[in-house]
Amino acid sequence: MNINILAGGPEDLFPDLREYNEENSIWVGVDRGVFHLLKMNIRPIIAFGDFDSVSSEELQFIENEVKELKRFRPEKDETDMELALQWALDQNPATIRIFGATGGRLDHLFANVHLLLNPFNANNPADILLIDRFNQVFLRGPGTYTIEKMKAKKYISFVPLTLDVTGLTLKGFKFPLENQHISLGSTLCISNELISDYGTFSFSEGILIVIRSRD
């Protein structure tokens, strides 16, 4: 099972959500993202939010259309996205895809990137991706990974999320690396590209943010 979560980010950054509306996927709405889903005739099975970003008429529409609505006060310790993500992780999905979470306010962007750490902290195997029209973002811990060329998003960047990432090796890339140490703040691995259909990256310590992008 895959879980798709739509937050209330700028609509012009949404990818074509129909591509992710598979039979084995369920949808979750977060705040204004619930309204966006309903406008696209996608009914989320559950919704989370304080709903301070929708009008009273839009909220009434949401309440009429969504069977399970988790409404919270704006003054709370968790963000709406964190509450939705924790629910999604508890369902033990294979993949969680988050949309509408990368544009607009930078504090929300950085918070949402850091939420990708939650499976690491909980030893949960779910793969979480942040996706918009231009980017796909995910985290990886130590190991060896195969990565496939995407014509739509040809640039691949590796950004340390921890103080150090050790032993980074890139094979099949335009700019290969062998057993490289990179530190937090390094821009060494920005805007690389695959030179064949597949490549590999591996490292022995740390956590990497992997970003696949297009212009």
C-alpha atoms as a PDB file:
ATOM      1  CA  MET A   1       0.000   0.000   0.000  1.00  0.00           C
ATOM      2  CA  ASN A   2       1.076   3.553  -0.780  1.00  0.00           C
ATOM      3  CA  ILE A   3      -0.153   6.620   1.068  1.00  0.00           C
ATOM      4  CA  ASN A   4      -0.301   9.993  -0.677  1.00  0.00           C
ATOM      5  CA  ILE A   5      -0.496  13.131   1.458  1.00  0.00           C
ATOM      6  CA  LEU A   6      -1.432  16.510  -0.010  1.00  0.00           C
ATOM      7  CA  ALA A   7      -0.673  19.650   1.980  1.00  0.00           C
ATOM      8  CA  GLY A   8      -1.797  23.164   1.164  1.00  0.00           C
ATOM      9  CA  GLY A   9       1.243  24.466  -0.692  1.00  0.00           C
ATOM     10  CA  PRO A  10       1.010  26.501  -3.909  1.00  0.00           C
ATOM     11  CA  GLU A  11      -1.085  24.746  -6.557  1.00  0.00           C
ATOM     12  CA  ASP A  12       1.328  25.711  -9.336  1.00  0.00           C
ATOM     13  CA  LEU A  13       3.941  23.421  -7.757  1.00  0.00           C
ATOM     14  CA  PHE A  14       1.695  20.356  -7.673  1.00  0.00           C
ATOM     15  CA  PRO A  15       2.725  17.595 -10.086  1.00  0.00           C
ATOM     16  CA  ASP A  16      -0.008  15.812 -12.017  1.00  0.00           C
ATOM     17  CA  LEU A  17      -1.552  13.964  -9.078  1.00  0.00           C
ATOM     18  CA  ARG A  18      -3.421  11.609 -11.406  1.00  0.00           C
ATOM     19  CA  GLU A  19      -0.097   9.832 -11.989  1.00  0.00           C
ATOM     20  CA  TYR A  20      -0.093   8.797  -8.326  1.00  0.00           C
ATOM     21  CA  ASN A  21      -3.746   7.808  -8.023  1.00  0.00           C
ATOM     22  CA  GLU A  22      -3.149   4.056  -8.327  1.00  0.00           C
ATOM     23  CA  GLU A  23      -5.508   1.368  -7.066  1.00  0.00           C
ATOM     24  CA  ASN A  24      -3.177   0.504  -4.190  1.00  0.00           C
ATOM     25  CA  SER A  25      -2.877   4.128  -3.019  1.00  0.00           C
ATOM     26  CA  ILE A  26      -4.929   6.002  -0.464  1.00  0.00           C
ATOM     27  CA  TRP A  27      -5.071   9.763   0.002  1.00  0.00           C
ATOM     28  CA  VAL A  28      -4.714  11.947   3.068  1.00  0.00           C
ATOM     29  CA  GLY A  29      -5.450  15.668   3.103  1.00  0.00           C
ATOM     30  CA  VAL A  30      -3.720  18.261   5.246  1.00  0.00           C
ATOM     31  CA  ASP A  31      -5.432  21.603   5.873  1.00  0.00           C
ATOM     32  CA  ARG A  32      -6.090  23.374   2.544  1.00  0.00           C
ATOM     33  CA  GLY A  33      -4.756  20.324   0.727  1.00  0.00           C
ATOM     34  CA  VAL A  34      -8.057  18.618   1.574  1.00  0.00           C
ATOM     35  CA  PHE A  35      -9.949  21.232  -0.433  1.00  0.00           C
ATOM     36  CA  HIS A  36      -7.524  20.856  -3.359  1.00  0.00           C
ATOM     37  CA  LEU A  37      -8.072  17.078  -3.420  1.00  0.00           C
ATOM     38  CA  LEU A  38     -11.831  17.405  -3.405  1.00  0.00           C
ATOM     39  CA  LYS A  39     -11.676  19.906  -6.278  1.00  0.00           C
ATOM     40  CA  MET A  40      -9.812  17.233  -8.262  1.00  0.00           C
ATOM     41  CA  ASN A  41     -12.471  14.631  -7.407  1.00  0.00           C
ATOM     42  CA  ILE A  42     -10.043  12.762  -5.160  1.00  0.00           C
ATOM     43  CA  ARG A  43     -11.633  11.957  -1.801  1.00  0.00           C
ATOM     44  CA  PRO A  44      -9.162  11.491   1.057  1.00  0.00           C
ATOM     45  CA  ILE A  45      -9.985   8.781   3.574  1.00  0.00           C
ATOM     46  CA  ILE A  46      -8.849  11.041   6.413  1.00  0.00           C
ATOM     47  CA  ALA A  47      -7.941  14.716   6.833  1.00  0.00           C
ATOM     48  CA  PHE A  48      -5.861  16.631   9.359  1.00  0.00           C
ATOM     49  CA  GLY A  49      -5.581  20.314  10.153  1.00  0.00           C
ATOM     50  CA  ASP A  50      -6.613  23.401  12.046  1.00  0.00           C
ATOM     51  CA  PHE A  51      -8.158  24.582   8.742  1.00  0.00           C
ATOM     52  CA  ASP A  52      -7.251  28.209   9.313  1.00  0.00           C
ATOM     53  CA  SER A  53      -6.341  28.470   5.618  1.00  0.00           C
ATOM     54  CA  VAL A  54      -9.827  27.734   4.257  1.00  0.00           C
ATOM     55  CA  SER A  55     -12.959  29.873   4.270  1.00  0.00           C
ATOM     56  CA  SER A  56     -16.036  28.920   6.288  1.00  0.00           C
ATOM     57  CA  GLU A  57     -17.755  27.829   3.058  1.00  0.00           C
ATOM     58  CA  GLU A  58     -14.775  25.672   2.046  1.00  0.00           C
ATOM     59  CA  LEU A  59     -14.653  24.117   5.520  1.00  0.00           C
ATOM     60  CA  GLN A  60     -18.338  23.253   5.301  1.00  0.00           C
ATOM     61  CA  PHE A  61     -17.689  21.577   1.945  1.00  0.00           C
ATOM     62  CA  ILE A  62     -14.808  19.602   3.489  1.00  0.00           C
ATOM     63  CA  GLU A  63     -16.916  18.517   6.456  1.00  0.00           C
ATOM     64  CA  ASN A  64     -19.651  17.297   4.105  1.00  0.00           C
ATOM     65  CA  GLU A  65     -17.275  15.286   1.891  1.00  0.00           C
ATOM     66  CA  VAL A  66     -14.683  13.753   4.252  1.00  0.00           C
ATOM     67  CA  LYS A  67     -15.854  11.062   6.638  1.00  0.00           C
ATOM     68  CA  GLU A  68     -12.917  11.195   9.053  1.00  0.00           C
ATOM     69  CA  LEU A  69     -11.828  14.730   9.869  1.00  0.00           C
ATOM     70  CA  LYS A  70      -9.159  15.319  12.525  1.00  0.00           C
ATOM     71  CA  ARG A  71      -9.482  18.975  13.459  1.00  0.00           C
ATOM     72  CA  PHE A  72      -7.005  20.598  15.847  1.00  0.00           C
ATOM     73  CA  ARG A  73      -6.492  23.947  17.491  1.00  0.00           C
ATOM     74  CA  PRO A  74      -3.827  26.140  15.828  1.00  0.00           C
ATOM     75  CA  GLU A  75      -1.929  26.228  19.152  1.00  0.00           C
ATOM     76  CA  LYS A  76      -0.358  22.773  19.301  1.00  0.00           C
ATOM     77  CA  ASP A  77       3.088  21.179  19.517  1.00  0.00           C
ATOM     78  CA  GLU A  78       2.937  19.328  16.172  1.00  0.00           C
ATOM     79  CA  THR A  79       2.360  20.733  12.710  1.00  0.00           C
ATOM     80  CA  ASP A  80      -0.623  19.466  10.742  1.00  0.00           C
ATOM     81  CA  MET A  81       1.786  17.627   8.447  1.00  0.00           C
ATOM     82  CA  GLU A  82       3.510  15.907  11.359  1.00  0.00           C
ATOM     83  CA  LEU A  83       0.171  14.627  12.649  1.00  0.00           C
ATOM     84  CA  ALA A  84      -0.769  13.320   9.203  1.00  0.00           C
ATOM     85  CA  LEU A  85       2.623  11.705   8.682  1.00  0.00           C
ATOM     86  CA  GLN A  86       2.529   9.945  12.042  1.00  0.00           C
ATOM     87  CA  TRP A  87      -0.885   8.510  11.168  1.00  0.00           C
ATOM     88  CA  ALA A  88       0.473   7.388   7.797  1.00  0.00           C
ATOM     89  CA  LEU A  89       3.485   5.678   9.369  1.00  0.00           C
ATOM     90  CA  ASP A  90       1.197   3.810  11.765  1.00  0.00           C
ATOM     91  CA  GLN A  91      -0.530   2.205   8.745  1.00  0.00           C
ATOM     92  CA  ASN A  92       2.763   0.490   7.767  1.00  0.00           C
ATOM     93  CA  PRO A  93       2.733   1.489   4.081  1.00  0.00           C
ATOM     94  CA  ALA A  94       5.520   0.675   1.641  1.00  0.00           C
ATOM     95  CA  THR A  95       5.746   4.293   0.450  1.00  0.00           C
ATOM     96  CA  ILE A  96       4.511   7.672   1.635  1.00  0.00           C
ATOM     97  CA  ARG A  97       4.476  10.464  -0.956  1.00  0.00           C
ATOM     98  CA  ILE A  98       4.011  14.029   0.219  1.00  0.00           C
ATOM     99  CA  PHE A  99       2.828  16.779  -2.128  1.00  0.00           C
ATOM    100  CA  GLY A 100       2.170  20.465  -1.575  1.00  0.00           C
ATOM    101  CA  ALA A 101       4.878  20.655   1.082  1.00  0.00           C
ATOM    102  CA  THR A 102       7.822  22.351  -0.657  1.00  0.00           C
ATOM    103  CA  GLY A 103       6.608  25.787  -1.763  1.00  0.00           C
ATOM    104  CA  GLY A 104       5.600  28.920   0.063  1.00  0.00           C
ATOM    105  CA  ARG A 105       6.958  29.392   3.592  1.00  0.00           C
ATOM    106  CA  LEU A 106      10.563  28.325   4.158  1.00  0.00           C
ATOM    107  CA  ASP A 107       9.915  27.345   7.783  1.00  0.00           C
ATOM    108  CA  HIS A 108       7.363  24.808   6.549  1.00  0.00           C
ATOM    109  CA  LEU A 109       9.794  23.541   3.902  1.00  0.00           C
ATOM    110  CA  PHE A 110      12.629  22.923   6.371  1.00  0.00           C
ATOM    111  CA  ALA A 111      10.233  21.369   8.879  1.00  0.00           C
ATOM    112  CA  ASN A 112       8.867  19.005   6.231  1.00  0.00           C
ATOM    113  CA  VAL A 113      12.349  17.937   5.106  1.00  0.00           C
ATOM    114  CA  HIS A 114      13.243  17.166   8.724  1.00  0.00           C
ATOM    115  CA  LEU A 115      10.044  15.141   9.100  1.00  0.00           C
ATOM    116  CA  LEU A 116      11.604  12.668   6.679  1.00  0.00           C
ATOM    117  CA  LEU A 117      13.777  11.623   9.615  1.00  0.00           C
ATOM    118  CA  ASN A 118      10.795  10.156  11.466  1.00  0.00           C
ATOM    119  CA  PRO A 119      11.081   6.647   9.963  1.00  0.00           C
ATOM    120  CA  PHE A 120      14.775   6.568  10.919  1.00  0.00           C
ATOM    121  CA  ASN A 121      13.934   7.519  14.502  1.00  0.00           C
ATOM    122  CA  ALA A 122      11.143   4.914  14.680  1.00  0.00           C
ATOM    123  CA  ASN A 123      12.982   2.156  12.774  1.00  0.00           C
ATOM    124  CA  ASN A 124      10.109   2.222  10.281  1.00  0.00           C
ATOM    125  CA  PRO A 125      10.948   0.835   6.801  1.00  0.00           C
ATOM    126  CA  ALA A 126       8.514   3.123   4.950  1.00  0.00           C
ATOM    127  CA  ASP A 127      10.064   5.143   2.135  1.00  0.00           C
ATOM    128  CA  ILE A 128       9.001   8.815   2.269  1.00  0.00           C
ATOM    129  CA  LEU A 129       9.302  11.241  -0.647  1.00  0.00           C
ATOM    130  CA  LEU A 130       8.574  14.951  -0.972  1.00  0.00           C
ATOM    131  CA  ILE A 131       7.430  15.602  -4.548  1.00  0.00           C
ATOM    132  CA  ASP A 132       6.590  18.718  -6.530  1.00  0.00           C
ATOM    133  CA  ARG A 133       6.697  19.695 -10.213  1.00  0.00           C
ATOM    134  CA  PHE A 134      10.439  20.303 -10.135  1.00  0.00           C
ATOM    135  CA  ASN A 135      11.834  18.102  -7.375  1.00  0.00           C
ATOM    136  CA  GLN A 136      11.768  14.772  -5.625  1.00  0.00           C
ATOM    137  CA  VAL A 137      13.403  14.616  -2.190  1.00  0.00           C
ATOM    138  CA  PHE A 138      14.152  11.616   0.041  1.00  0.00           C
ATOM    139  CA  LEU A 139      16.628  10.530   2.728  1.00  0.00           C
ATOM    140  CA  ARG A 140      19.002   7.598   2.830  1.00  0.00           C
ATOM    141  CA  GLY A 141      21.056   6.065   5.606  1.00  0.00           C
ATOM    142  CA  PRO A 142      24.312   4.103   5.240  1.00  0.00           C
ATOM    143  CA  GLY A 143      24.252   1.476   2.510  1.00  0.00           C
ATOM    144  CA  THR A 144      24.517   0.913  -1.234  1.00  0.00           C
ATOM    145  CA  TYR A 145      21.717   2.076  -3.520  1.00  0.00           C
ATOM    146  CA  THR A 146      20.877   1.805  -7.205  1.00  0.00           C
ATOM    147  CA  ILE A 147      19.402   4.928  -8.770  1.00  0.00           C
ATOM    148  CA  GLU A 148      17.675   5.108 -12.147  1.00  0.00           C
ATOM    149  CA  LYS A 149      17.925   7.930 -14.669  1.00  0.00           C
ATOM    150  CA  MET A 150      14.811  10.104 -14.864  1.00  0.00           C
ATOM    151  CA  LYS A 151      14.566  12.168 -18.039  1.00  0.00           C
ATOM    152  CA  ALA A 152      12.131  14.545 -16.376  1.00  0.00           C
ATOM    153  CA  LYS A 153      14.488  15.178 -13.429  1.00  0.00           C
ATOM    154  CA  LYS A 154      18.043  14.718 -14.652  1.00  0.00           C
ATOM    155  CA  TYR A 155      19.915  16.514 -11.862  1.00  0.00           C
ATOM    156  CA  ILE A 156      20.798  14.572  -8.723  1.00  0.00           C
ATOM    157  CA  SER A 157      22.205  16.239  -5.611  1.00  0.00           C
ATOM    158  CA  PHE A 158      23.458  14.723  -2.370  1.00  0.00           C
ATOM    159  CA  VAL A 159      23.326  16.960   0.708  1.00  0.00           C
ATOM    160  CA  PRO A 160      24.515  15.886   4.173  1.00  0.00           C
ATOM    161  CA  LEU A 161      21.824  16.058   6.829  1.00  0.00           C
ATOM    162  CA  THR A 162      24.166  14.939   9.578  1.00  0.00           C
ATOM    163  CA  LEU A 163      27.429  16.573  10.653  1.00  0.00           C
ATOM    164  CA  ASP A 164      29.432  14.151   8.515  1.00  0.00           C
ATOM    165  CA  VAL A 165      28.830  11.639   5.742  1.00  0.00           C
ATOM    166  CA  THR A 166      31.736   9.267   5.250  1.00  0.00           C
ATOM    167  CA  GLY A 167      32.774   6.955   2.436  1.00  0.00           C
ATOM    168  CA  LEU A 168      30.519   8.472  -0.229  1.00  0.00           C
ATOM    169  CA  THR A 169      31.064   6.703  -3.537  1.00  0.00           C
ATOM    170  CA  LEU A 170      29.232   7.595  -6.762  1.00  0.00           C
ATOM    171  CA  LYS A 171      29.406   5.287  -9.787  1.00  0.00           C
ATOM    172  CA  GLY A 172      27.792   5.854 -13.163  1.00  0.00           C
ATOM    173  CA  PHE A 173      27.700   9.618 -12.600  1.00  0.00           C
ATOM    174  CA  LYS A 174      29.124  12.473 -14.658  1.00  0.00           C
ATOM    175  CA  PHE A 175      31.156  13.450 -11.605  1.00  0.00           C
ATOM    176  CA  PRO A 176      32.091  10.205  -9.820  1.00  0.00           C
ATOM    177  CA  LEU A 177      33.411   9.992  -6.271  1.00  0.00           C
ATOM    178  CA  GLU A 178      35.371   7.346  -4.433  1.00  0.00           C
ATOM    179  CA  ASN A 179      35.246   7.035  -0.633  1.00  0.00           C
ATOM    180  CA  GLN A 180      34.731  10.797  -0.148  1.00  0.00           C
ATOM    181  CA  HIS A 181      34.110  12.458   3.213  1.00  0.00           C
ATOM    182  CA  ILE A 182      31.612  15.344   3.056  1.00  0.00           C
ATOM    183  CA  SER A 183      30.569  17.562   5.941  1.00  0.00           C
ATOM    184  CA  LEU A 184      27.428  19.485   6.781  1.00  0.00           C
ATOM    185  CA  GLY A 185      27.467  22.652   4.676  1.00  0.00           C
ATOM    186  CA  SER A 186      29.341  21.078   1.755  1.00  0.00           C
ATOM    187  CA  THR A 187      28.117  21.795  -1.791  1.00  0.00           C
ATOM    188  CA  LEU A 188      30.469  19.263  -3.402  1.00  0.00           C
ATOM    189  CA  CYS A 189      27.654  16.963  -4.562  1.00  0.00           C
ATOM    190  CA  ILE A 190      25.191  19.446  -6.044  1.00  0.00           C
ATOM    191  CA  SER A 191      23.791  19.037  -9.597  1.00  0.00           C
ATOM    192  CA  ASN A 192      25.341  15.751 -10.647  1.00  0.00           C
ATOM    193  CA  GLU A 193      23.937  13.639 -13.501  1.00  0.00           C
ATOM    194  CA  LEU A 194      23.816   9.973 -14.455  1.00  0.00           C
ATOM    195  CA  ILE A 195      25.727   9.031 -17.611  1.00  0.00           C
ATOM    196  CA  SER A 196      23.850   5.747 -18.126  1.00  0.00           C
ATOM    197  CA  ASP A 197      20.426   4.363 -17.294  1.00  0.00           C
ATOM    198  CA  TYR A 198      21.505   3.373 -13.789  1.00  0.00           C
ATOM    199  CA  GLY A 199      24.109   4.384 -11.258  1.00  0.00           C
ATOM    200  CA  THR A 200      24.934   3.585  -7.650  1.00  0.00           C
ATOM    201  CA  PHE A 201      25.739   5.594  -4.568  1.00  0.00           C
ATOM    202  CA  SER A 202      26.995   4.266  -1.270  1.00  0.00           C
ATOM    203  CA  PHE A 203      28.318   5.553   2.050  1.00  0.00           C
ATOM    204  CA  SER A 204      29.181   4.128   5.450  1.00  0.00           C
ATOM    205  CA  GLU A 205      28.068   6.754   8.006  1.00  0.00           C
ATOM    206  CA  GLY A 206      25.606   9.626   8.225  1.00  0.00           C
ATOM    207  CA  ILE A 207      22.324  10.560   6.541  1.00  0.00           C
ATOM    208  CA  LEU A 208      22.012  12.042   3.052  1.00  0.00           C
ATOM    209  CA  ILE A 209      19.301  14.166   1.516  1.00  0.00           C
ATOM    210  CA  VAL A 210      18.888  13.024  -2.087  1.00  0.00           C
ATOM    211  CA  ILE A 211      17.307  15.598  -4.423  1.00  0.00           C
ATOM    212  CA  ARG A 212      16.254  14.864  -7.997  1.00  0.00           C
ATOM    213  CA  SER A 213      15.490  18.075  -9.887  1.00  0.00           C
ATOM    214  CA  ARG A 214      14.786  19.717 -13.197  1.00  0.00           C
ATOM    215  CA  ASP A 215      15.084  23.325 -14.340  1.00  0.00           C
END
